[in-house]
Amino acid sequence: MLVRCLYASRAASVPTPASLDSIMEQSRRNNAARGLTGLLCHTHDVYVQVLEGGRDAVCALLAKLFEDPRHKGVTILLFEEISERQFGNW
């Protein structure tokens, strides 16, 4: 079963260009291996991300995000079952 999750969080500290590059590299590598796709946006200290994939994979990543010291105030804005991905090429 495919699901989509939209969440927002605050960065524990203002991310640097190098730390953002590291997040993107890690996300591309790990998410592809887990069958996850999505979209990541950020402003000065706020992240907004859409994750799509199998329910277990999305929930496992969310659990990690709640424990990740780089994030604080992780808030799930939407969690729904979907029939197809909107961000399959991410």
PDB file of N, CA and C in Angstrom:
ATOM      1  N   MET A   1       0.834  -1.171   0.000  1.00  0.00           N
ATOM      2  CA  MET A   1       0.000   0.000   0.000  1.00  0.00           C
ATOM      3  C   MET A   1       0.888   1.246   0.000  1.00  0.00           C
ATOM      4  N   LEU A   2       0.635   2.149  -0.921  1.00  0.00           N
ATOM      5  CA  LEU A   2       1.375   3.408  -1.007  1.00  0.00           C
ATOM      6  C   LEU A   2       0.735   4.456  -0.108  1.00  0.00           C
ATOM      7  N   VAL A   3       1.589   5.269   0.526  1.00  0.00           N
ATOM      8  CA  VAL A   3       1.108   6.381   1.333  1.00  0.00           C
ATOM      9  C   VAL A   3       1.915   7.625   0.989  1.00  0.00           C
ATOM     10  N   ARG A   4       1.331   8.755   1.346  1.00  0.00           N
ATOM     11  CA  ARG A   4       2.018  10.049   1.206  1.00  0.00           C
ATOM     12  C   ARG A   4       1.966  10.720   2.565  1.00  0.00           C
ATOM     13  N   CYS A   5       3.103  11.270   2.963  1.00  0.00           N
ATOM     14  CA  CYS A   5       3.186  12.009   4.217  1.00  0.00           C
ATOM     15  C   CYS A   5       3.791  13.376   3.931  1.00  0.00           C
ATOM     16  N   LEU A   6       3.156  14.402   4.449  1.00  0.00           N
ATOM     17  CA  LEU A   6       3.675  15.759   4.393  1.00  0.00           C
ATOM     18  C   LEU A   6       3.984  16.166   5.827  1.00  0.00           C
ATOM     19  N   TYR A   7       5.219  16.586   6.070  1.00  0.00           N
ATOM     20  CA  TYR A   7       5.566  17.035   7.410  1.00  0.00           C
ATOM     21  C   TYR A   7       6.375  18.320   7.328  1.00  0.00           C
ATOM     22  N   ALA A   8       6.425  19.016   8.450  1.00  0.00           N
ATOM     23  CA  ALA A   8       7.255  20.209   8.592  1.00  0.00           C
ATOM     24  C   ALA A   8       8.047  20.062   9.875  1.00  0.00           C
ATOM     25  N   SER A   9       9.231  20.659   9.888  1.00  0.00           N
ATOM     26  CA  SER A   9      10.054  20.675  11.100  1.00  0.00           C
ATOM     27  C   SER A   9      10.934  21.906  11.067  1.00  0.00           C
ATOM     28  N   ARG A  10      11.514  22.185  12.211  1.00  0.00           N
ATOM     29  CA  ARG A  10      12.484  23.271  12.310  1.00  0.00           C
ATOM     30  C   ARG A  10      13.873  22.663  12.439  1.00  0.00           C
ATOM     31  N   ALA A  11      14.824  23.316  11.841  1.00  0.00           N
ATOM     32  CA  ALA A  11      16.213  22.887  11.986  1.00  0.00           C
ATOM     33  C   ALA A  11      16.675  23.230  13.399  1.00  0.00           C
ATOM     34  N   ALA A  12      17.401  22.323  14.024  1.00  0.00           N
ATOM     35  CA  ALA A  12      17.933  22.581  15.363  1.00  0.00           C
ATOM     36  C   ALA A  12      18.927  23.742  15.329  1.00  0.00           C
ATOM     37  N   SER A  13      19.621  23.898  14.209  1.00  0.00           N
ATOM     38  CA  SER A  13      20.485  25.052  13.979  1.00  0.00           C
ATOM     39  C   SER A  13      20.377  25.402  12.493  1.00  0.00           C
ATOM     40  N   VAL A  14      20.675  26.625  12.157  1.00  0.00           N
ATOM     41  CA  VAL A  14      20.542  27.064  10.768  1.00  0.00           C
ATOM     42  C   VAL A  14      21.479  26.232   9.898  1.00  0.00           C
ATOM     43  N   PRO A  15      20.919  25.553   8.892  1.00  0.00           N
ATOM     44  CA  PRO A  15      21.758  24.690   8.054  1.00  0.00           C
ATOM     45  C   PRO A  15      22.701  25.501   7.168  1.00  0.00           C
ATOM     46  N   THR A  16      23.876  24.932   6.965  1.00  0.00           N
ATOM     47  CA  THR A  16      24.863  25.529   6.071  1.00  0.00           C
ATOM     48  C   THR A  16      24.697  24.904   4.690  1.00  0.00           C
ATOM     49  N   PRO A  17      25.230  25.526   3.655  1.00  0.00           N
ATOM     50  CA  PRO A  17      25.182  24.888   2.337  1.00  0.00           C
ATOM     51  C   PRO A  17      25.781  23.486   2.346  1.00  0.00           C
ATOM     52  N   ALA A  18      26.855  23.283   3.089  1.00  0.00           N
ATOM     53  CA  ALA A  18      27.483  21.958   3.154  1.00  0.00           C
ATOM     54  C   ALA A  18      26.565  20.950   3.845  1.00  0.00           C
ATOM     55  N   SER A  19      25.894  21.366   4.913  1.00  0.00           N
ATOM     56  CA  SER A  19      25.004  20.427   5.604  1.00  0.00           C
ATOM     57  C   SER A  19      23.779  20.107   4.741  1.00  0.00           C
ATOM     58  N   LEU A  20      23.293  21.061   3.980  1.00  0.00           N
ATOM     59  CA  LEU A  20      22.172  20.795   3.067  1.00  0.00           C
ATOM     60  C   LEU A  20      22.594  19.833   1.963  1.00  0.00           C
ATOM     61  N   ASP A  21      23.795  20.027   1.431  1.00  0.00           N
ATOM     62  CA  ASP A  21      24.308  19.093   0.418  1.00  0.00           C
ATOM     63  C   ASP A  21      24.403  17.685   0.984  1.00  0.00           C
ATOM     64  N   SER A  22      24.852  17.567   2.225  1.00  0.00           N
ATOM     65  CA  SER A  22      24.977  16.268   2.869  1.00  0.00           C
ATOM     66  C   SER A  22      23.607  15.611   3.056  1.00  0.00           C
ATOM     67  N   ILE A  23      22.627  16.399   3.479  1.00  0.00           N
ATOM     68  CA  ILE A  23      21.257  15.884   3.647  1.00  0.00           C
ATOM     69  C   ILE A  23      20.719  15.379   2.313  1.00  0.00           C
ATOM     70  N   MET A  24      20.927  16.149   1.265  1.00  0.00           N
ATOM     71  CA  MET A  24      20.410  15.748  -0.049  1.00  0.00           C
ATOM     72  C   MET A  24      21.101  14.482  -0.552  1.00  0.00           C
ATOM     73  N   GLU A  25      22.403  14.400  -0.400  1.00  0.00           N
ATOM     74  CA  GLU A  25      23.136  13.210  -0.844  1.00  0.00           C
ATOM     75  C   GLU A  25      22.663  11.975  -0.078  1.00  0.00           C
ATOM     76  N   GLN A  26      22.567  12.106   1.230  1.00  0.00           N
ATOM     77  CA  GLN A  26      22.124  10.996   2.071  1.00  0.00           C
ATOM     78  C   GLN A  26      20.691  10.593   1.730  1.00  0.00           C
ATOM     79  N   SER A  27      19.816  11.578   1.533  1.00  0.00           N
ATOM     80  CA  SER A  27      18.408  11.299   1.210  1.00  0.00           C
ATOM     81  C   SER A  27      18.279  10.582  -0.126  1.00  0.00           C
ATOM     82  N   ARG A  28      18.991  11.051  -1.122  1.00  0.00           N
ATOM     83  CA  ARG A  28      18.916  10.410  -2.438  1.00  0.00           C
ATOM     84  C   ARG A  28      19.346   8.951  -2.371  1.00  0.00           C
ATOM     85  N   ARG A  29      20.431   8.706  -1.687  1.00  0.00           N
ATOM     86  CA  ARG A  29      20.956   7.346  -1.580  1.00  0.00           C
ATOM     87  C   ARG A  29      20.018   6.450  -0.763  1.00  0.00           C
ATOM     88  N   ASN A  30      19.663   6.889   0.438  1.00  0.00           N
ATOM     89  CA  ASN A  30      18.862   6.054   1.331  1.00  0.00           C
ATOM     90  C   ASN A  30      17.417   5.903   0.871  1.00  0.00           C
ATOM     91  N   ASN A  31      16.823   6.972   0.392  1.00  0.00           N
ATOM     92  CA  ASN A  31      15.420   6.896  -0.009  1.00  0.00           C
ATOM     93  C   ASN A  31      15.233   6.002  -1.226  1.00  0.00           C
ATOM     94  N   ALA A  32      16.147   6.061  -2.167  1.00  0.00           N
ATOM     95  CA  ALA A  32      16.048   5.191  -3.342  1.00  0.00           C
ATOM     96  C   ALA A  32      16.108   3.726  -2.922  1.00  0.00           C
ATOM     97  N   ALA A  33      16.999   3.409  -1.997  1.00  0.00           N
ATOM     98  CA  ALA A  33      17.128   2.030  -1.525  1.00  0.00           C
ATOM     99  C   ALA A  33      15.873   1.560  -0.798  1.00  0.00           C
ATOM    100  N   ARG A  34      15.119   2.480  -0.208  1.00  0.00           N
ATOM    101  CA  ARG A  34      13.901   2.147   0.541  1.00  0.00           C
ATOM    102  C   ARG A  34      12.633   2.278  -0.297  1.00  0.00           C
ATOM    103  N   GLY A  35      12.790   2.660  -1.566  1.00  0.00           N
ATOM    104  CA  GLY A  35      11.619   2.832  -2.423  1.00  0.00           C
ATOM    105  C   GLY A  35      10.821   4.085  -2.109  1.00  0.00           C
ATOM    106  N   LEU A  36      11.476   5.090  -1.526  1.00  0.00           N
ATOM    107  CA  LEU A  36      10.805   6.337  -1.171  1.00  0.00           C
ATOM    108  C   LEU A  36      11.082   7.409  -2.211  1.00  0.00           C
ATOM    109  N   THR A  37      10.081   8.199  -2.480  1.00  0.00           N
ATOM    110  CA  THR A  37      10.222   9.363  -3.348  1.00  0.00           C
ATOM    111  C   THR A  37       9.593  10.534  -2.618  1.00  0.00           C
ATOM    112  N   GLY A  38       9.763  11.723  -3.162  1.00  0.00           N
ATOM    113  CA  GLY A  38       9.153  12.870  -2.516  1.00  0.00           C
ATOM    114  C   GLY A  38       9.741  14.175  -2.974  1.00  0.00           C
ATOM    115  N   LEU A  39       9.618  15.150  -2.090  1.00  0.00           N
ATOM    116  CA  LEU A  39      10.052  16.508  -2.374  1.00  0.00           C
ATOM    117  C   LEU A  39      10.499  17.128  -1.064  1.00  0.00           C
ATOM    118  N   LEU A  40      11.633  17.803  -1.057  1.00  0.00           N
ATOM    119  CA  LEU A  40      12.130  18.483   0.138  1.00  0.00           C
ATOM    120  C   LEU A  40      12.319  19.953  -0.175  1.00  0.00           C
ATOM    121  N   CYS A  41      11.742  20.797   0.672  1.00  0.00           N
ATOM    122  CA  CYS A  41      11.898  22.249   0.553  1.00  0.00           C
ATOM    123  C   CYS A  41      12.400  22.774   1.895  1.00  0.00           C
ATOM    124  N   HIS A  42      13.122  23.875   1.851  1.00  0.00           N
ATOM    125  CA  HIS A  42      13.550  24.488   3.107  1.00  0.00           C
ATOM    126  C   HIS A  42      13.634  25.992   2.940  1.00  0.00           C
ATOM    127  N   THR A  43      13.478  26.658   4.063  1.00  0.00           N
ATOM    128  CA  THR A  43      13.738  28.089   4.146  1.00  0.00           C
ATOM    129  C   THR A  43      14.860  28.240   5.154  1.00  0.00           C
ATOM    130  N   HIS A  44      14.973  29.379   5.722  1.00  0.00           N
ATOM    131  CA  HIS A  44      16.068  29.660   6.654  1.00  0.00           C
ATOM    132  C   HIS A  44      16.260  28.533   7.677  1.00  0.00           C
ATOM    133  N   ASP A  45      15.212  28.153   8.381  1.00  0.00           N
ATOM    134  CA  ASP A  45      15.346  27.091   9.385  1.00  0.00           C
ATOM    135  C   ASP A  45      14.151  26.138   9.409  1.00  0.00           C
ATOM    136  N   VAL A  46      13.374  26.123   8.353  1.00  0.00           N
ATOM    137  CA  VAL A  46      12.193  25.259   8.285  1.00  0.00           C
ATOM    138  C   VAL A  46      12.336  24.290   7.124  1.00  0.00           C
ATOM    139  N   TYR A  47      12.033  23.030   7.402  1.00  0.00           N
ATOM    140  CA  TYR A  47      11.967  21.998   6.370  1.00  0.00           C
ATOM    141  C   TYR A  47      10.506  21.624   6.157  1.00  0.00           C
ATOM    142  N   VAL A  48      10.131  21.415   4.911  1.00  0.00           N
ATOM    143  CA  VAL A  48       8.838  20.844   4.562  1.00  0.00           C
ATOM    144  C   VAL A  48       9.144  19.731   3.571  1.00  0.00           C
ATOM    145  N   GLN A  49       8.629  18.544   3.855  1.00  0.00           N
ATOM    146  CA  GLN A  49       8.932  17.414   2.988  1.00  0.00           C
ATOM    147  C   GLN A  49       7.681  16.588   2.742  1.00  0.00           C
ATOM    148  N   VAL A  50       7.583  16.110   1.499  1.00  0.00           N
ATOM    149  CA  VAL A  50       6.594  15.107   1.121  1.00  0.00           C
ATOM    150  C   VAL A  50       7.353  13.808   0.923  1.00  0.00           C
ATOM    151  N   LEU A  51       6.882  12.748   1.555  1.00  0.00           N
ATOM    152  CA  LEU A  51       7.445  11.411   1.380  1.00  0.00           C
ATOM    153  C   LEU A  51       6.373  10.514   0.800  1.00  0.00           C
ATOM    154  N   GLU A  52       6.740   9.704  -0.185  1.00  0.00           N
ATOM    155  CA  GLU A  52       5.825   8.740  -0.771  1.00  0.00           C
ATOM    156  C   GLU A  52       6.502   7.382  -0.822  1.00  0.00           C
ATOM    157  N   GLY A  53       5.734   6.350  -0.541  1.00  0.00           N
ATOM    158  CA  GLY A  53       6.266   4.998  -0.608  1.00  0.00           C
ATOM    159  C   GLY A  53       5.389   4.045   0.175  1.00  0.00           C
ATOM    160  N   GLY A  54       5.912   2.865   0.412  1.00  0.00           N
ATOM    161  CA  GLY A  54       5.191   1.892   1.207  1.00  0.00           C
ATOM    162  C   GLY A  54       4.999   2.391   2.632  1.00  0.00           C
ATOM    163  N   ARG A  55       3.887   1.994   3.242  1.00  0.00           N
ATOM    164  CA  ARG A  55       3.566   2.469   4.595  1.00  0.00           C
ATOM    165  C   ARG A  55       4.712   2.180   5.579  1.00  0.00           C
ATOM    166  N   ASP A  56       5.243   0.969   5.560  1.00  0.00           N
ATOM    167  CA  ASP A  56       6.298   0.616   6.515  1.00  0.00           C
ATOM    168  C   ASP A  56       7.544   1.469   6.315  1.00  0.00           C
ATOM    169  N   ALA A  57       7.934   1.705   5.068  1.00  0.00           N
ATOM    170  CA  ALA A  57       9.134   2.498   4.787  1.00  0.00           C
ATOM    171  C   ALA A  57       8.943   3.956   5.205  1.00  0.00           C
ATOM    172  N   VAL A  58       7.780   4.522   4.906  1.00  0.00           N
ATOM    173  CA  VAL A  58       7.508   5.912   5.292  1.00  0.00           C
ATOM    174  C   VAL A  58       7.487   6.038   6.813  1.00  0.00           C
ATOM    175  N   CYS A  59       6.813   5.130   7.488  1.00  0.00           N
ATOM    176  CA  CYS A  59       6.734   5.187   8.955  1.00  0.00           C
ATOM    177  C   CYS A  59       8.101   4.998   9.596  1.00  0.00           C
ATOM    178  N   ALA A  60       8.928   4.119   9.041  1.00  0.00           N
ATOM    179  CA  ALA A  60      10.275   3.907   9.582  1.00  0.00           C
ATOM    180  C   ALA A  60      11.108   5.180   9.461  1.00  0.00           C
ATOM    181  N   LEU A  61      11.009   5.861   8.319  1.00  0.00           N
ATOM    182  CA  LEU A  61      11.767   7.098   8.156  1.00  0.00           C
ATOM    183  C   LEU A  61      11.238   8.185   9.087  1.00  0.00           C
ATOM    184  N   LEU A  62       9.933   8.269   9.235  1.00  0.00           N
ATOM    185  CA  LEU A  62       9.371   9.259  10.155  1.00  0.00           C
ATOM    186  C   LEU A  62       9.874   9.027  11.579  1.00  0.00           C
ATOM    187  N   ALA A  63       9.936   7.781  11.994  1.00  0.00           N
ATOM    188  CA  ALA A  63      10.436   7.474  13.338  1.00  0.00           C
ATOM    189  C   ALA A  63      11.869   7.975  13.498  1.00  0.00           C
ATOM    190  N   LYS A  64      12.689   7.810  12.461  1.00  0.00           N
ATOM    191  CA  LYS A  64      14.067   8.310  12.511  1.00  0.00           C
ATOM    192  C   LYS A  64      14.096   9.833  12.578  1.00  0.00           C
ATOM    193  N   LEU A  65      13.214  10.482  11.810  1.00  0.00           N
ATOM    194  CA  LEU A  65      13.184  11.941  11.804  1.00  0.00           C
ATOM    195  C   LEU A  65      12.809  12.503  13.172  1.00  0.00           C
ATOM    196  N   PHE A  66      11.873  11.844  13.864  1.00  0.00           N
ATOM    197  CA  PHE A  66      11.483  12.298  15.193  1.00  0.00           C
ATOM    198  C   PHE A  66      12.660  12.219  16.172  1.00  0.00           C
ATOM    199  N   GLU A  67      13.603  11.330  15.930  1.00  0.00           N
ATOM    200  CA  GLU A  67      14.762  11.161  16.801  1.00  0.00           C
ATOM    201  C   GLU A  67      16.003  11.905  16.308  1.00  0.00           C
ATOM    202  N   ASP A  68      15.960  12.426  15.089  1.00  0.00           N
ATOM    203  CA  ASP A  68      17.114  13.088  14.476  1.00  0.00           C
ATOM    204  C   ASP A  68      17.402  14.414  15.181  1.00  0.00           C
ATOM    205  N   PRO A  69      18.602  14.589  15.739  1.00  0.00           N
ATOM    206  CA  PRO A  69      18.908  15.827  16.467  1.00  0.00           C
ATOM    207  C   PRO A  69      18.995  17.061  15.565  1.00  0.00           C
ATOM    208  N   ARG A  70      19.009  16.881  14.250  1.00  0.00           N
ATOM    209  CA  ARG A  70      19.029  18.033  13.347  1.00  0.00           C
ATOM    210  C   ARG A  70      17.656  18.678  13.198  1.00  0.00           C
ATOM    211  N   HIS A  71      16.601  17.960  13.645  1.00  0.00           N
ATOM    212  CA  HIS A  71      15.223  18.447  13.539  1.00  0.00           C
ATOM    213  C   HIS A  71      14.642  18.678  14.923  1.00  0.00           C
ATOM    214  N   LYS A  72      13.712  19.604  14.999  1.00  0.00           N
ATOM    215  CA  LYS A  72      12.901  19.747  16.204  1.00  0.00           C
ATOM    216  C   LYS A  72      11.497  20.131  15.773  1.00  0.00           C
ATOM    217  N   GLY A  73      10.546  19.785  16.580  1.00  0.00           N
ATOM    218  CA  GLY A  73       9.156  20.141  16.278  1.00  0.00           C
ATOM    219  C   GLY A  73       8.626  19.504  15.012  1.00  0.00           C
ATOM    220  N   VAL A  74       8.965  18.238  14.772  1.00  0.00           N
ATOM    221  CA  VAL A  74       8.441  17.550  13.584  1.00  0.00           C
ATOM    222  C   VAL A  74       6.927  17.442  13.730  1.00  0.00           C
ATOM    223  N   THR A  75       6.207  17.957  12.731  1.00  0.00           N
ATOM    224  CA  THR A  75       4.749  17.948  12.753  1.00  0.00           C
ATOM    225  C   THR A  75       4.233  17.323  11.467  1.00  0.00           C
ATOM    226  N   ILE A  76       3.441  16.270  11.604  1.00  0.00           N
ATOM    227  CA  ILE A  76       2.834  15.635  10.431  1.00  0.00           C
ATOM    228  C   ILE A  76       1.611  16.453  10.037  1.00  0.00           C
ATOM    229  N   LEU A  77       1.614  16.946   8.810  1.00  0.00           N
ATOM    230  CA  LEU A  77       0.531  17.772   8.303  1.00  0.00           C
ATOM    231  C   LEU A  77      -0.485  16.972   7.505  1.00  0.00           C
ATOM    232  N   LEU A  78      -0.026  15.858   6.912  1.00  0.00           N
ATOM    233  CA  LEU A  78      -0.904  15.024   6.097  1.00  0.00           C
ATOM    234  C   LEU A  78      -0.321  13.624   6.044  1.00  0.00           C
ATOM    235  N   PHE A  79      -1.177  12.629   6.167  1.00  0.00           N
ATOM    236  CA  PHE A  79      -0.771  11.236   5.992  1.00  0.00           C
ATOM    237  C   PHE A  79      -1.949  10.544   5.350  1.00  0.00           C
ATOM    238  N   GLU A  80      -1.756  10.056   4.107  1.00  0.00           N
ATOM    239  CA  GLU A  80      -2.885   9.477   3.382  1.00  0.00           C
ATOM    240  C   GLU A  80      -2.447   8.327   2.498  1.00  0.00           C
ATOM    241  N   GLU A  81      -3.383   7.430   2.235  1.00  0.00           N
ATOM    242  CA  GLU A  81      -3.150   6.377   1.259  1.00  0.00           C
ATOM    243  C   GLU A  81      -3.297   6.993  -0.126  1.00  0.00           C
ATOM    244  N   ILE A  82      -2.462   6.520  -1.069  1.00  0.00           N
ATOM    245  CA  ILE A  82      -2.498   7.043  -2.434  1.00  0.00           C
ATOM    246  C   ILE A  82      -2.490   5.879  -3.419  1.00  0.00           C
ATOM    247  N   SER A  83      -2.981   6.154  -4.611  1.00  0.00           N
ATOM    248  CA  SER A  83      -2.975   5.124  -5.652  1.00  0.00           C
ATOM    249  C   SER A  83      -1.761   5.262  -6.571  1.00  0.00           C
ATOM    250  N   GLU A  84      -1.176   6.466  -6.607  1.00  0.00           N
ATOM    251  CA  GLU A  84       0.024   6.676  -7.406  1.00  0.00           C
ATOM    252  C   GLU A  84       0.836   7.824  -6.825  1.00  0.00           C
ATOM    253  N   ARG A  85       2.111   7.840  -7.180  1.00  0.00           N
ATOM    254  CA  ARG A  85       3.020   8.857  -6.687  1.00  0.00           C
ATOM    255  C   ARG A  85       2.881  10.143  -7.499  1.00  0.00           C
ATOM    256  N   GLN A  86       3.034  11.260  -6.824  1.00  0.00           N
ATOM    257  CA  GLN A  86       3.119  12.552  -7.513  1.00  0.00           C
ATOM    258  C   GLN A  86       4.568  12.973  -7.720  1.00  0.00           C
ATOM    259  N   PHE A  87       5.470  12.437  -6.899  1.00  0.00           N
ATOM    260  CA  PHE A  87       6.875  12.838  -6.930  1.00  0.00           C
ATOM    261  C   PHE A  87       7.772  11.641  -7.202  1.00  0.00           C
ATOM    262  N   GLY A  88       7.406  10.854  -8.165  1.00  0.00           N
ATOM    263  CA  GLY A  88       8.132   9.627  -8.475  1.00  0.00           C
ATOM    264  C   GLY A  88       9.522   9.836  -9.048  1.00  0.00           C
ATOM    265  N   ASN A  89       9.824  11.028  -9.530  1.00  0.00           N
ATOM    266  CA  ASN A  89      11.133  11.289 -10.136  1.00  0.00           C
ATOM    267  C   ASN A  89      12.110  11.980  -9.215  1.00  0.00           C
ATOM    268  N   TRP A  90      11.777  12.133  -7.930  1.00  0.00           N
ATOM    269  CA  TRP A  90      12.666  12.816  -7.004  1.00  0.00           C
ATOM    270  C   TRP A  90      13.777  11.922  -6.567  1.00  0.00           C
TER     271      TRP A  90
END
